[in-house]
All heavy atoms as atom14 arrays in JSON, in Angstrom:
{
  "sequence": "VQLTESGGGLVEAGGSLRLSCAASEVPGRTFSGFTM",
  "atom14_mask": [
    [1, 1, 1, 1, 1, 1, 1, 0, 0, 0, 0, 0, 0, 0],
    [1, 1, 1, 1, 1, 1, 1, 1, 1, 0, 0, 0, 0, 0],
    [1, 1, 1, 1, 1, 1, 1, 1, 0, 0, 0, 0, 0, 0],
    [1, 1, 1, 1, 1, 1, 1, 0, 0, 0, 0, 0, 0, 0],
    [1, 1, 1, 1, 1, 1, 1, 1, 1, 0, 0, 0, 0, 0],
    [1, 1, 1, 1, 1, 1, 0, 0, 0, 0, 0, 0, 0, 0],
    [1, 1, 1, 1, 0, 0, 0, 0, 0, 0, 0, 0, 0, 0],
    [1, 1, 1, 1, 0, 0, 0, 0, 0, 0, 0, 0, 0, 0],
    [1, 1, 1, 1, 0, 0, 0, 0, 0, 0, 0, 0, 0, 0],
    [1, 1, 1, 1, 1, 1, 1, 1, 0, 0, 0, 0, 0, 0],
    [1, 1, 1, 1, 1, 1, 1, 0, 0, 0, 0, 0, 0, 0],
    [1, 1, 1, 1, 1, 1, 1, 1, 1, 0, 0, 0, 0, 0],
    [1, 1, 1, 1, 1, 0, 0, 0, 0, 0, 0, 0, 0, 0],
    [1, 1, 1, 1, 0, 0, 0, 0, 0, 0, 0, 0, 0, 0],
    [1, 1, 1, 1, 0, 0, 0, 0, 0, 0, 0, 0, 0, 0],
    [1, 1, 1, 1, 1, 1, 0, 0, 0, 0, 0, 0, 0, 0],
    [1, 1, 1, 1, 1, 1, 1, 1, 0, 0, 0, 0, 0, 0],
    [1, 1, 1, 1, 1, 1, 1, 1, 1, 1, 1, 0, 0, 0],
    [1, 1, 1, 1, 1, 1, 1, 1, 0, 0, 0, 0, 0, 0],
    [1, 1, 1, 1, 1, 1, 0, 0, 0, 0, 0, 0, 0, 0],
    [1, 1, 1, 1, 1, 1, 0, 0, 0, 0, 0, 0, 0, 0],
    [1, 1, 1, 1, 1, 0, 0, 0, 0, 0, 0, 0, 0, 0],
    [1, 1, 1, 1, 1, 0, 0, 0, 0, 0, 0, 0, 0, 0],
    [1, 1, 1, 1, 1, 1, 0, 0, 0, 0, 0, 0, 0, 0],
    [1, 1, 1, 1, 1, 1, 1, 1, 1, 0, 0, 0, 0, 0],
    [1, 1, 1, 1, 1, 1, 1, 0, 0, 0, 0, 0, 0, 0],
    [1, 1, 1, 1, 1, 1, 1, 0, 0, 0, 0, 0, 0, 0],
    [1, 1, 1, 1, 0, 0, 0, 0, 0, 0, 0, 0, 0, 0],
    [1, 1, 1, 1, 1, 1, 1, 1, 1, 1, 1, 0, 0, 0],
    [1, 1, 1, 1, 1, 1, 1, 0, 0, 0, 0, 0, 0, 0],
    [1, 1, 1, 1, 1, 1, 1, 1, 1, 1, 1, 0, 0, 0],
    [1, 1, 1, 1, 1, 1, 0, 0, 0, 0, 0, 0, 0, 0],
    [1, 1, 1, 1, 0, 0, 0, 0, 0, 0, 0, 0, 0, 0],
    [1, 1, 1, 1, 1, 1, 1, 1, 1, 1, 1, 0, 0, 0],
    [1, 1, 1, 1, 1, 1, 1, 0, 0, 0, 0, 0, 0, 0],
    [1, 1, 1, 1, 1, 1, 1, 1, 0, 0, 0, 0, 0, 0]
  ],
  "atom14_positions": [
    [[28.11, -24.38, -10.48], [27.14, -25.17, -11.29], [26.17, -24.14, -11.93], [25.67, -23.25, -11.25], [26.32, -26.15, -10.45], [25.23, -26.81, -11.25], [27.22, -27.18, -9.86], [0.0, 0.0, 0.0], [0.0, 0.0, 0.0], [0.0, 0.0, 0.0], [0.0, 0.0, 0.0], [0.0, 0.0, 0.0], [0.0, 0.0, 0.0], [0.0, 0.0, 0.0]],
    [[25.94, -24.27, -13.19], [24.98, -23.42, -13.86], [23.7, -24.25, -14.14], [23.78, -25.35, -14.69], [25.55, -22.89, -15.14], [26.63, -21.85, -14.99], [27.01, -21.16, -16.28], [26.74, -21.63, -17.33], [27.67, -20.03, -16.14], [0.0, 0.0, 0.0], [0.0, 0.0, 0.0], [0.0, 0.0, 0.0], [0.0, 0.0, 0.0], [0.0, 0.0, 0.0]],
    [[22.6, -23.69, -13.71], [21.28, -24.33, -13.88], [20.49, -23.5, -14.92], [20.33, -22.31, -14.73], [20.52, -24.43, -12.57], [21.3, -25.14, -11.42], [20.48, -25.0, -10.13], [21.53, -26.57, -11.78], [0.0, 0.0, 0.0], [0.0, 0.0, 0.0], [0.0, 0.0, 0.0], [0.0, 0.0, 0.0], [0.0, 0.0, 0.0], [0.0, 0.0, 0.0]],
    [[19.87, -24.2, -15.87], [19.12, -23.54, -16.89], [17.73, -24.15, -17.0], [17.62, -25.35, -17.32], [19.83, -23.63, -18.23], [21.2, -23.13, -18.13], [19.09, -22.85, -19.33], [0.0, 0.0, 0.0], [0.0, 0.0, 0.0], [0.0, 0.0, 0.0], [0.0, 0.0, 0.0], [0.0, 0.0, 0.0], [0.0, 0.0, 0.0], [0.0, 0.0, 0.0]],
    [[16.78, -23.39, -16.71], [15.36, -23.84, -16.81], [14.8, -23.65, -18.21], [15.24, -22.68, -18.89], [14.43, -23.12, -15.81], [14.81, -23.23, -14.35], [15.64, -22.09, -13.89], [16.28, -21.43, -14.72], [15.66, -21.74, -12.68], [0.0, 0.0, 0.0], [0.0, 0.0, 0.0], [0.0, 0.0, 0.0], [0.0, 0.0, 0.0], [0.0, 0.0, 0.0]],
    [[13.89, -24.46, -18.65], [13.21, -24.3, -19.89], [11.87, -24.96, -19.76], [11.57, -25.69, -18.82], [14.05, -24.91, -21.04], [14.2, -26.31, -20.82], [0.0, 0.0, 0.0], [0.0, 0.0, 0.0], [0.0, 0.0, 0.0], [0.0, 0.0, 0.0], [0.0, 0.0, 0.0], [0.0, 0.0, 0.0], [0.0, 0.0, 0.0], [0.0, 0.0, 0.0]],
    [[11.0, -24.64, -20.73], [9.69, -25.26, -20.83], [8.54, -24.41, -20.32], [7.35, -24.81, -20.43], [0.0, 0.0, 0.0], [0.0, 0.0, 0.0], [0.0, 0.0, 0.0], [0.0, 0.0, 0.0], [0.0, 0.0, 0.0], [0.0, 0.0, 0.0], [0.0, 0.0, 0.0], [0.0, 0.0, 0.0], [0.0, 0.0, 0.0], [0.0, 0.0, 0.0]],
    [[8.86, -23.23, -19.81], [7.77, -22.36, -19.4], [7.01, -21.78, -20.64], [7.43, -21.97, -21.72], [0.0, 0.0, 0.0], [0.0, 0.0, 0.0], [0.0, 0.0, 0.0], [0.0, 0.0, 0.0], [0.0, 0.0, 0.0], [0.0, 0.0, 0.0], [0.0, 0.0, 0.0], [0.0, 0.0, 0.0], [0.0, 0.0, 0.0], [0.0, 0.0, 0.0]],
    [[5.94, -21.11, -20.31], [5.13, -20.47, -21.33], [3.78, -20.13, -20.91], [3.49, -20.1, -19.73], [0.0, 0.0, 0.0], [0.0, 0.0, 0.0], [0.0, 0.0, 0.0], [0.0, 0.0, 0.0], [0.0, 0.0, 0.0], [0.0, 0.0, 0.0], [0.0, 0.0, 0.0], [0.0, 0.0, 0.0], [0.0, 0.0, 0.0], [0.0, 0.0, 0.0]],
    [[2.92, -19.93, -21.88], [1.52, -19.51, -21.67], [0.64, -20.74, -21.94], [0.75, -21.35, -23.03], [1.12, -18.31, -22.52], [-0.35, -17.91, -22.55], [-0.75, -17.42, -21.17], [-0.57, -16.84, -23.56], [0.0, 0.0, 0.0], [0.0, 0.0, 0.0], [0.0, 0.0, 0.0], [0.0, 0.0, 0.0], [0.0, 0.0, 0.0], [0.0, 0.0, 0.0]],
    [[-0.27, -21.05, -21.01], [-1.1, -22.18, -21.2], [-2.47, -21.87, -20.64], [-2.56, -21.09, -19.68], [-0.51, -23.46, -20.54], [-0.41, -23.28, -19.0], [-1.27, -24.72, -20.88], [0.0, 0.0, 0.0], [0.0, 0.0, 0.0], [0.0, 0.0, 0.0], [0.0, 0.0, 0.0], [0.0, 0.0, 0.0], [0.0, 0.0, 0.0], [0.0, 0.0, 0.0]],
    [[-3.5, -22.47, -21.15], [-4.8, -22.28, -20.63], [-5.07, -23.1, -19.37], [-4.43, -24.16, -19.15], [-5.9, -22.64, -21.67], [-5.89, -21.7, -22.87], [-7.04, -22.05, -23.81], [-7.66, -23.05, -23.65], [-7.29, -21.28, -24.75], [0.0, 0.0, 0.0], [0.0, 0.0, 0.0], [0.0, 0.0, 0.0], [0.0, 0.0, 0.0], [0.0, 0.0, 0.0]],
    [[-5.95, -22.65, -18.52], [-6.32, -23.4, -17.33], [-6.75, -24.82, -17.71], [-7.43, -25.03, -18.68], [-7.45, -22.7, -16.56], [0.0, 0.0, 0.0], [0.0, 0.0, 0.0], [0.0, 0.0, 0.0], [0.0, 0.0, 0.0], [0.0, 0.0, 0.0], [0.0, 0.0, 0.0], [0.0, 0.0, 0.0], [0.0, 0.0, 0.0], [0.0, 0.0, 0.0]],
    [[-6.22, -25.75, -16.96], [-6.5, -27.16, -17.19], [-5.41, -27.81, -18.03], [-5.39, -29.07, -18.17], [0.0, 0.0, 0.0], [0.0, 0.0, 0.0], [0.0, 0.0, 0.0], [0.0, 0.0, 0.0], [0.0, 0.0, 0.0], [0.0, 0.0, 0.0], [0.0, 0.0, 0.0], [0.0, 0.0, 0.0], [0.0, 0.0, 0.0], [0.0, 0.0, 0.0]],
    [[-4.53, -27.0, -18.58], [-3.47, -27.5, -19.44], [-2.29, -28.0, -18.66], [-2.26, -28.02, -17.47], [0.0, 0.0, 0.0], [0.0, 0.0, 0.0], [0.0, 0.0, 0.0], [0.0, 0.0, 0.0], [0.0, 0.0, 0.0], [0.0, 0.0, 0.0], [0.0, 0.0, 0.0], [0.0, 0.0, 0.0], [0.0, 0.0, 0.0], [0.0, 0.0, 0.0]],
    [[-1.25, -28.42, -19.41], [-0.06, -29.03, -18.86], [1.21, -28.38, -19.46], [1.22, -27.89, -20.56], [-0.03, -30.51, -19.12], [-1.12, -31.16, -18.56], [0.0, 0.0, 0.0], [0.0, 0.0, 0.0], [0.0, 0.0, 0.0], [0.0, 0.0, 0.0], [0.0, 0.0, 0.0], [0.0, 0.0, 0.0], [0.0, 0.0, 0.0], [0.0, 0.0, 0.0]],
    [[2.24, -28.42, -18.62], [3.57, -28.03, -19.06], [4.59, -28.93, -18.38], [4.36, -29.42, -17.27], [3.91, -26.55, -18.7], [3.27, -25.45, -19.53], [3.56, -24.11, -18.84], [3.73, -25.46, -20.98], [0.0, 0.0, 0.0], [0.0, 0.0, 0.0], [0.0, 0.0, 0.0], [0.0, 0.0, 0.0], [0.0, 0.0, 0.0], [0.0, 0.0, 0.0]],
    [[5.72, -29.08, -19.03], [6.84, -29.8, -18.4], [8.06, -28.87, -18.39], [8.54, -28.48, -19.43], [7.2, -31.1, -19.08], [8.22, -31.9, -18.25], [8.49, -33.29, -18.89], [9.44, -33.19, -19.99], [10.17, -34.24, -20.41], [10.13, -35.35, -19.79], [11.02, -34.09, -21.48], [0.0, 0.0, 0.0], [0.0, 0.0, 0.0], [0.0, 0.0, 0.0]],
    [[8.49, -28.58, -17.21], [9.68, -27.77, -17.04], [10.9, -28.69, -16.94], [10.86, -29.8, -16.42], [9.61, -26.91, -15.83], [8.42, -25.96, -15.67], [8.54, -25.09, -14.4], [8.24, -25.11, -16.89], [0.0, 0.0, 0.0], [0.0, 0.0, 0.0], [0.0, 0.0, 0.0], [0.0, 0.0, 0.0], [0.0, 0.0, 0.0], [0.0, 0.0, 0.0]],
    [[12.02, -28.2, -17.47], [13.33, -28.88, -17.35], [14.33, -27.98, -16.74], [14.25, -26.73, -16.92], [13.8, -29.35, -18.76], [12.88, -30.23, -19.36], [0.0, 0.0, 0.0], [0.0, 0.0, 0.0], [0.0, 0.0, 0.0], [0.0, 0.0, 0.0], [0.0, 0.0, 0.0], [0.0, 0.0, 0.0], [0.0, 0.0, 0.0], [0.0, 0.0, 0.0]],
    [[15.25, -28.59, -16.06], [16.36, -27.85, -15.41], [17.65, -28.63, -15.78], [17.84, -29.73, -15.23], [16.16, -27.74, -13.94], [17.59, -27.09, -13.03], [0.0, 0.0, 0.0], [0.0, 0.0, 0.0], [0.0, 0.0, 0.0], [0.0, 0.0, 0.0], [0.0, 0.0, 0.0], [0.0, 0.0, 0.0], [0.0, 0.0, 0.0], [0.0, 0.0, 0.0]],
    [[18.41, -28.06, -16.63], [19.69, -28.7, -17.03], [20.85, -28.15, -16.24], [20.98, -26.95, -16.11], [19.89, -28.5, -18.57], [0.0, 0.0, 0.0], [0.0, 0.0, 0.0], [0.0, 0.0, 0.0], [0.0, 0.0, 0.0], [0.0, 0.0, 0.0], [0.0, 0.0, 0.0], [0.0, 0.0, 0.0], [0.0, 0.0, 0.0], [0.0, 0.0, 0.0]],
    [[21.7, -29.07, -15.78], [22.82, -28.6, -14.97], [24.12, -28.75, -15.78], [24.29, -29.75, -16.52], [22.95, -29.51, -13.69], [0.0, 0.0, 0.0], [0.0, 0.0, 0.0], [0.0, 0.0, 0.0], [0.0, 0.0, 0.0], [0.0, 0.0, 0.0], [0.0, 0.0, 0.0], [0.0, 0.0, 0.0], [0.0, 0.0, 0.0], [0.0, 0.0, 0.0]],
    [[24.95, -27.75, -15.73], [26.24, -27.8, -16.4], [27.18, -28.77, -15.68], [26.99, -29.02, -14.46], [26.9, -26.42, -16.44], [27.17, -25.95, -15.12], [0.0, 0.0, 0.0], [0.0, 0.0, 0.0], [0.0, 0.0, 0.0], [0.0, 0.0, 0.0], [0.0, 0.0, 0.0], [0.0, 0.0, 0.0], [0.0, 0.0, 0.0], [0.0, 0.0, 0.0]],
    [[28.13, -29.28, -16.36], [29.09, -30.16, -15.8], [30.06, -29.36, -14.94], [30.46, -28.32, -15.26], [29.86, -30.95, -16.89], [29.0, -31.92, -17.66], [29.81, -32.78, -18.57], [31.05, -32.58, -18.6], [29.22, -33.61, -19.28], [0.0, 0.0, 0.0], [0.0, 0.0, 0.0], [0.0, 0.0, 0.0], [0.0, 0.0, 0.0], [0.0, 0.0, 0.0]],
    [[30.41, -29.97, -13.81], [31.39, -29.31, -12.92], [32.51, -30.32, -12.65], [32.25, -31.46, -12.23], [30.72, -28.95, -11.59], [31.73, -28.36, -10.62], [29.56, -27.99, -11.83], [0.0, 0.0, 0.0], [0.0, 0.0, 0.0], [0.0, 0.0, 0.0], [0.0, 0.0, 0.0], [0.0, 0.0, 0.0], [0.0, 0.0, 0.0], [0.0, 0.0, 0.0]],
    [[33.76, -29.91, -12.87], [34.83, -30.84, -12.66], [34.83, -31.38, -11.21], [34.71, -30.58, -10.25], [36.07, -29.96, -12.87], [35.61, -28.94, -13.84], [34.21, -28.64, -13.44], [0.0, 0.0, 0.0], [0.0, 0.0, 0.0], [0.0, 0.0, 0.0], [0.0, 0.0, 0.0], [0.0, 0.0, 0.0], [0.0, 0.0, 0.0], [0.0, 0.0, 0.0]],
    [[34.87, -32.67, -11.05], [34.86, -33.24, -9.75], [33.55, -33.41, -9.1], [33.5, -33.95, -7.99], [0.0, 0.0, 0.0], [0.0, 0.0, 0.0], [0.0, 0.0, 0.0], [0.0, 0.0, 0.0], [0.0, 0.0, 0.0], [0.0, 0.0, 0.0], [0.0, 0.0, 0.0], [0.0, 0.0, 0.0], [0.0, 0.0, 0.0], [0.0, 0.0, 0.0]],
    [[32.47, -32.92, -9.74], [31.18, -33.08, -9.17], [30.33, -33.74, -10.2], [30.49, -33.61, -11.4], [30.52, -31.71, -8.83], [31.33, -30.93, -7.82], [31.32, -31.56, -6.45], [30.04, -31.65, -5.84], [29.43, -30.67, -5.12], [30.07, -29.54, -4.97], [28.3, -30.91, -4.55], [0.0, 0.0, 0.0], [0.0, 0.0, 0.0], [0.0, 0.0, 0.0]],
    [[29.33, -34.5, -9.71], [28.36, -35.12, -10.68], [26.97, -34.63, -10.27], [26.71, -34.37, -9.11], [28.41, -36.67, -10.59], [28.12, -37.09, -9.25], [29.8, -37.16, -10.99], [0.0, 0.0, 0.0], [0.0, 0.0, 0.0], [0.0, 0.0, 0.0], [0.0, 0.0, 0.0], [0.0, 0.0, 0.0], [0.0, 0.0, 0.0], [0.0, 0.0, 0.0]],
    [[26.07, -34.66, -11.23], [24.7, -34.21, -11.0], [24.05, -35.01, -9.93], [23.32, -34.52, -9.13], [23.94, -34.28, -12.31], [22.53, -33.82, -12.21], [22.2, -32.52, -12.11], [21.45, -34.78, -12.24], [20.91, -32.07, -12.04], [20.16, -34.36, -12.19], [19.88, -33.0, -12.1], [0.0, 0.0, 0.0], [0.0, 0.0, 0.0], [0.0, 0.0, 0.0]],
    [[24.43, -36.31, -9.87], [23.78, -37.15, -8.87], [24.2, -36.83, -7.43], [23.64, -37.29, -6.46], [24.1, -38.62, -9.15], [25.53, -38.85, -9.06], [0.0, 0.0, 0.0], [0.0, 0.0, 0.0], [0.0, 0.0, 0.0], [0.0, 0.0, 0.0], [0.0, 0.0, 0.0], [0.0, 0.0, 0.0], [0.0, 0.0, 0.0], [0.0, 0.0, 0.0]],
    [[25.2, -35.92, -7.32], [25.61, -35.51, -5.99], [24.79, -34.39, -5.43], [25.03, -33.98, -4.26], [0.0, 0.0, 0.0], [0.0, 0.0, 0.0], [0.0, 0.0, 0.0], [0.0, 0.0, 0.0], [0.0, 0.0, 0.0], [0.0, 0.0, 0.0], [0.0, 0.0, 0.0], [0.0, 0.0, 0.0], [0.0, 0.0, 0.0], [0.0, 0.0, 0.0]],
    [[23.85, -33.9, -6.17], [23.03, -32.72, -5.76], [21.59, -33.12, -5.39], [20.95, -33.83, -6.13], [23.03, -31.67, -6.84], [24.35, -31.03, -7.13], [25.09, -31.42, -8.22], [24.84, -30.07, -6.3], [26.33, -30.84, -8.46], [26.07, -29.47, -6.55], [26.81, -29.9, -7.64], [0.0, 0.0, 0.0], [0.0, 0.0, 0.0], [0.0, 0.0, 0.0]],
    [[21.19, -32.56, -4.29], [19.72, -32.53, -4.03], [19.19, -31.35, -4.83], [19.77, -30.3, -4.88], [19.51, -32.28, -2.52], [20.06, -33.36, -1.77], [18.0, -32.19, -2.24], [0.0, 0.0, 0.0], [0.0, 0.0, 0.0], [0.0, 0.0, 0.0], [0.0, 0.0, 0.0], [0.0, 0.0, 0.0], [0.0, 0.0, 0.0], [0.0, 0.0, 0.0]],
    [[18.01, -31.57, -5.4], [17.43, -30.54, -6.35], [16.04, -30.16, -5.92], [15.34, -30.93, -5.24], [17.38, -31.12, -7.79], [18.73, -31.62, -8.35], [19.84, -30.28, -8.7], [18.97, -29.4, -9.94], [0.0, 0.0, 0.0], [0.0, 0.0, 0.0], [0.0, 0.0, 0.0], [0.0, 0.0, 0.0], [0.0, 0.0, 0.0], [0.0, 0.0, 0.0]]
  ]
}
């Protein structure tokens, strides 16, 4: 499984960010089968 994070960056104190982690497809496995 390949995991790719995105959404990081520079922000001022008090600000907000949303990180994402996208998982590649794996034959025979589904994303819902993983604890993250």
